[in-house]
Structures are given as C-alpha cells and as structure tokens.
Amino acid sequence: MQAVVKLTILLHKRVFSATLSPDAPERDDATLDRLSRLSAKLLPASDDLISSLYAPQQPSIISPYLTTFLDVIKDIQSTLLPPPKDLDQQLGSLSLSKPTNDKSSKWFTTCFEQLDKAATKVSETLAEKEAPI
C-alpha cells in the first residue's frame, strides 16, 4: 500500500509541474479545470484510504476506499494521457524524421503502469485476506 501512496504523491507533484510550469506544453482550460477538480477529489480519497489502514485493519473496510482512490487515479490518467491509438492510427503516425521526445508523457505512462501493478498487488492481497479459510 505504501508504494501506491508514494507513487500518487509523486504523480500529484509531477502533474503540478508538468501543467503549470512555464516550459509545460500548453493545455486547454477544460483539461486544467478537470485536473483541478480531480486534485480536490484525490485528497479526501487518499485520506480515507490511509485512515482505513489504521488498526485493526479489515480488508472489507479497506477495499471500497482503495477502489474509490483508484477511480480518481484512473480519471487523472484519462485526463493526462490520450487513449491508446489503434493500429491504423499508429501506422499513419510513423515518420522517418527524428521523433519528438515528450518526457512528461513517458513519465506519466510509466507512473500509471507502476501504480496499476502496485494496486493490483494490494487488491489481490486484500482479496486473499477476505477469503474464508
């Protein structure tokens, strides 16, 4: 669980620097408004999740908070990263010229992948502990 929370903190800081710094690529107002609303949702979702971890830890209490928290993360992901291209679009965008290097996009993709892996692990652990013996 600690990895999920730490990655989310890094993500939140990176969103701030990648969207509001002077060198950040220009984003439309709707995207910035959506990120602002999601940031406001992230705080109570993370507080609730962390509060559910205090002793005695009960998987049946933690699971719904984890789900809510991960829903907010998925909304942030869909706001920051475009949906994956289908094969025709990928072929159409191929070029022999030097590729553009969007480090923020790569960083966000990697971060969301790691968050997904960590969350899957936590969910599996919670499901094991919930299952009757």
Protein backbone atom coordinates (compact mmCIF):
# COMPACT_ATOMS: atom_id res chain seq x y z
CA MET A 1 0.00 0.00 0.00
CA GLN A 2 2.91 2.29 0.76
CA ALA A 3 4.06 2.10 -2.88
CA VAL A 4 0.62 3.17 -4.12
CA VAL A 5 0.57 6.21 -1.85
CA LYS A 6 4.17 7.22 -2.62
CA LEU A 7 3.63 6.92 -6.37
CA THR A 8 0.48 9.00 -6.08
CA ILE A 9 2.34 11.74 -4.23
CA LEU A 10 4.99 11.79 -6.96
CA LEU A 11 2.26 11.81 -9.60
CA HIS A 12 0.49 14.75 -7.99
CA LYS A 13 3.71 16.76 -7.80
CA ARG A 14 4.57 15.92 -11.41
CA VAL A 15 1.11 16.91 -12.65
CA PHE A 16 1.57 20.26 -10.98
CA SER A 17 4.99 20.86 -12.50
CA ALA A 18 4.07 19.45 -15.92
CA THR A 19 0.94 21.55 -16.31
CA LEU A 20 1.76 24.84 -14.59
CA SER A 21 5.46 25.40 -15.21
CA PRO A 22 6.47 27.98 -17.83
CA ASP A 23 8.03 25.30 -20.09
CA ALA A 24 4.99 22.99 -19.88
CA PRO A 25 3.14 22.26 -23.10
CA GLU A 26 0.04 24.36 -23.40
CA ARG A 27 -3.12 22.65 -22.17
CA ASP A 28 -6.66 23.79 -22.77
CA ASP A 29 -8.74 25.29 -19.98
CA ALA A 30 -11.08 22.30 -19.81
CA THR A 31 -8.16 19.97 -19.07
CA LEU A 32 -6.80 22.27 -16.38
CA ASP A 33 -10.27 22.62 -14.83
CA ARG A 34 -10.69 18.84 -14.82
CA LEU A 35 -7.27 18.34 -13.23
CA SER A 36 -8.17 20.89 -10.56
CA ARG A 37 -11.39 19.02 -9.71
CA LEU A 38 -9.57 15.69 -9.68
CA SER A 39 -6.86 17.08 -7.41
CA ALA A 40 -9.58 18.15 -5.00
CA LYS A 41 -11.07 14.63 -5.14
CA LEU A 42 -7.69 12.98 -4.63
CA LEU A 43 -7.11 14.48 -1.18
CA PRO A 44 -10.21 13.05 0.57
CA ALA A 45 -9.84 9.75 -1.31
CA SER A 46 -6.26 9.36 -0.09
CA ASP A 47 -7.18 10.47 3.44
CA ASP A 48 -9.99 7.92 3.58
CA LEU A 49 -7.74 5.17 2.24
CA ILE A 50 -4.96 5.93 4.72
CA SER A 51 -7.44 6.19 7.60
CA SER A 52 -8.83 2.76 6.71
CA LEU A 53 -5.35 1.30 7.26
CA TYR A 54 -5.26 2.07 10.98
CA ALA A 55 -5.54 -0.94 13.29
CA PRO A 56 -7.46 -3.13 13.30
CA GLN A 57 -7.04 -3.50 9.55
CA GLN A 58 -10.05 -5.10 7.91
CA PRO A 59 -9.90 -5.87 4.19
CA SER A 60 -13.66 -5.36 3.88
CA ILE A 61 -13.21 -1.76 5.05
CA ILE A 62 -10.04 -1.03 3.06
CA SER A 63 -11.29 -2.38 -0.30
CA PRO A 64 -14.00 0.22 -1.03
CA TYR A 65 -11.65 3.09 -0.15
CA LEU A 66 -8.96 1.61 -2.38
CA THR A 67 -11.48 1.33 -5.23
CA THR A 68 -12.55 4.97 -4.81
CA PHE A 69 -8.93 6.08 -4.68
CA LEU A 70 -8.01 4.13 -7.82
CA ASP A 71 -11.05 5.53 -9.67
CA VAL A 72 -9.69 9.04 -9.10
CA ILE A 73 -6.25 7.92 -10.34
CA LYS A 74 -7.83 6.43 -13.49
CA ASP A 75 -9.68 9.71 -14.11
CA ILE A 76 -6.38 11.59 -13.81
CA GLN A 77 -4.81 9.13 -16.23
CA SER A 78 -7.55 9.57 -18.80
CA THR A 79 -7.19 13.35 -18.50
CA LEU A 80 -3.42 13.41 -18.92
CA LEU A 81 -2.82 10.66 -21.44
CA PRO A 82 -4.66 10.28 -24.73
CA PRO A 83 -6.40 6.97 -25.30
CA PRO A 84 -4.22 4.33 -26.97
CA LYS A 85 -4.18 4.51 -30.73
CA ASP A 86 -5.43 1.65 -32.83
CA LEU A 87 -3.05 0.03 -35.30
CA ASP A 88 -4.16 2.15 -38.29
CA GLN A 89 -3.54 5.37 -36.36
CA GLN A 90 -0.13 4.12 -35.20
CA LEU A 91 0.88 3.27 -38.77
CA GLY A 92 -0.35 6.63 -40.02
CA SER A 93 1.74 8.49 -37.46
CA LEU A 94 5.00 6.72 -38.31
CA SER A 95 7.71 9.00 -39.59
CA LEU A 96 11.31 8.72 -40.70
CA SER A 97 12.14 12.10 -39.22
CA LYS A 98 13.58 12.48 -35.76
CA PRO A 99 10.95 11.52 -33.18
CA THR A 100 9.73 14.10 -30.72
CA ASN A 101 10.70 13.29 -27.16
CA ASP A 102 7.85 14.01 -24.78
CA LYS A 103 9.42 13.10 -21.44
CA SER A 104 6.34 14.04 -19.41
CA SER A 105 4.11 11.72 -21.36
CA LYS A 106 6.59 8.86 -20.97
CA TRP A 107 6.93 9.58 -17.26
CA PHE A 108 3.16 9.60 -16.75
CA THR A 109 2.76 6.37 -18.71
CA THR A 110 5.40 4.64 -16.59
CA CYS A 111 3.98 6.03 -13.36
CA PHE A 112 0.45 4.87 -14.17
CA GLU A 113 1.77 1.42 -15.12
CA GLN A 114 3.60 1.15 -11.79
CA LEU A 115 0.53 2.38 -9.90
CA ASP A 116 -1.58 -0.22 -11.65
CA LYS A 117 0.87 -3.01 -10.75
CA ALA A 118 1.07 -1.93 -7.12
CA ALA A 119 -2.71 -1.54 -6.84
CA THR A 120 -3.27 -4.97 -8.38
CA LYS A 121 -0.92 -6.50 -5.82
CA VAL A 122 -2.70 -4.76 -2.95
CA SER A 123 -6.12 -5.79 -4.28
CA GLU A 124 -5.01 -9.41 -4.56
CA THR A 125 -3.65 -9.36 -1.00
CA LEU A 126 -6.90 -7.88 0.29
CA ALA A 127 -8.92 -10.50 -1.58
CA GLU A 128 -6.79 -13.29 -0.07
CA LYS A 129 -7.28 -11.95 3.43
CA GLU A 130 -11.03 -11.55 2.89
CA ALA A 131 -11.49 -15.09 1.59
CA PRO A 132 -12.70 -17.53 4.22
CA ILE A 133 -10.18 -20.15 5.22
